Amino acid sequence: MKTYRVKGDNPAVTYVQVSEEHEDEILLIVTKLNGEDERIHEDRISRELFQMCIETGYLVEDESLSADEPAFQKLSA
């Protein structure tokens, strides 16, 4: 699974991990870290919006977290 970091979310850090891909939408796991607070939720967005977020640099792939293990497990360790 690929993991992306949301640009400009200071002081919090938000990671978005692609959980499932469908024809017109993508299921995401969103992990927001703010100090010791960690919030995880699922979200669905259109494939078109997801591509636009990557193309504009709003989402940047974080290769250090892109793997088979869910991002929130790596971030919590």
Protein backbone atom coordinates (compact mmCIF):
# COMPACT_ATOMS: atom_id res chain seq x y z
CA MET A 1 0.00 0.00 0.00
CA LYS A 2 1.22 3.48 -0.80
CA THR A 3 1.32 6.10 1.92
CA TYR A 4 1.18 9.84 1.30
CA ARG A 5 1.85 12.77 3.58
CA VAL A 6 -0.50 15.76 3.46
CA LYS A 7 1.46 18.91 2.70
CA GLY A 8 1.29 21.87 5.09
CA ASP A 9 -0.68 20.40 7.98
CA ASN A 10 1.53 21.94 10.73
CA PRO A 11 1.83 21.35 13.63
CA ALA A 12 -0.09 18.13 13.04
CA VAL A 13 1.14 15.51 10.58
CA THR A 14 -1.41 13.71 8.43
CA TYR A 15 -0.78 10.52 6.47
CA VAL A 16 -3.12 9.05 3.88
CA GLN A 17 -2.86 5.40 2.92
CA VAL A 18 -4.63 3.85 -0.05
CA SER A 19 -6.59 0.91 1.31
CA GLU A 20 -8.74 -0.02 -1.70
CA GLU A 21 -9.04 1.19 -5.27
CA HIS A 22 -12.25 0.97 -7.25
CA GLU A 23 -13.17 2.20 -10.72
CA ASP A 24 -14.31 5.67 -9.66
CA GLU A 25 -13.28 5.97 -6.01
CA ILE A 26 -10.46 5.26 -3.61
CA LEU A 27 -10.80 4.15 0.01
CA LEU A 28 -8.26 5.84 2.28
CA ILE A 29 -7.04 5.33 5.82
CA VAL A 30 -6.28 8.78 7.25
CA THR A 31 -3.96 9.03 10.25
CA LYS A 32 -3.55 12.43 11.91
CA LEU A 33 -0.82 12.89 14.51
CA ASN A 34 -0.86 15.98 16.70
CA GLY A 35 1.54 15.72 19.61
CA GLU A 36 0.43 12.66 21.53
CA ASP A 37 -3.03 12.67 19.93
CA GLU A 38 -3.56 10.17 17.11
CA ARG A 39 -6.78 10.02 15.10
CA ILE A 40 -7.48 7.37 12.48
CA HIS A 41 -10.49 7.22 10.19
CA GLU A 42 -11.50 5.92 6.77
CA ASP A 43 -12.57 8.15 3.94
CA ARG A 44 -13.65 7.72 0.32
CA ILE A 45 -12.77 10.17 -2.43
CA SER A 46 -13.13 10.15 -6.17
CA ARG A 47 -10.21 8.87 -8.22
CA GLU A 48 -10.18 12.22 -10.04
CA LEU A 49 -9.82 14.21 -6.79
CA PHE A 50 -7.09 11.86 -5.55
CA GLN A 51 -5.11 12.30 -8.79
CA MET A 52 -5.51 16.07 -8.55
CA CYS A 53 -4.13 16.03 -4.98
CA ILE A 54 -1.04 14.14 -6.16
CA GLU A 55 -0.52 16.32 -9.25
CA THR A 56 -0.74 19.56 -7.25
CA GLY A 57 1.62 18.31 -4.54
CA TYR A 58 -1.02 18.33 -1.78
CA LEU A 59 -0.26 14.63 -1.27
CA VAL A 60 3.39 13.53 -1.44
CA GLU A 61 4.32 9.84 -1.37
CA ASP A 62 6.26 8.87 1.74
CA GLU A 63 8.33 5.91 0.57
CA SER A 64 9.58 5.23 4.10
CA LEU A 65 5.99 4.26 5.04
CA SER A 66 4.75 2.75 1.76
CA ALA A 67 4.66 -0.99 2.37
CA ASP A 68 2.34 -3.89 3.15
CA GLU A 69 1.99 -2.87 6.80
CA PRO A 70 -0.70 -0.24 7.52
CA ALA A 71 0.76 3.23 8.07
CA PHE A 72 -0.90 3.76 11.42
CA GLN A 73 0.78 0.62 12.80
CA LYS A 74 4.21 1.91 11.75
CA LEU A 75 3.46 5.39 13.08
CA SER A 76 2.25 4.05 16.42
CA ALA A 77 5.29 1.81 16.98
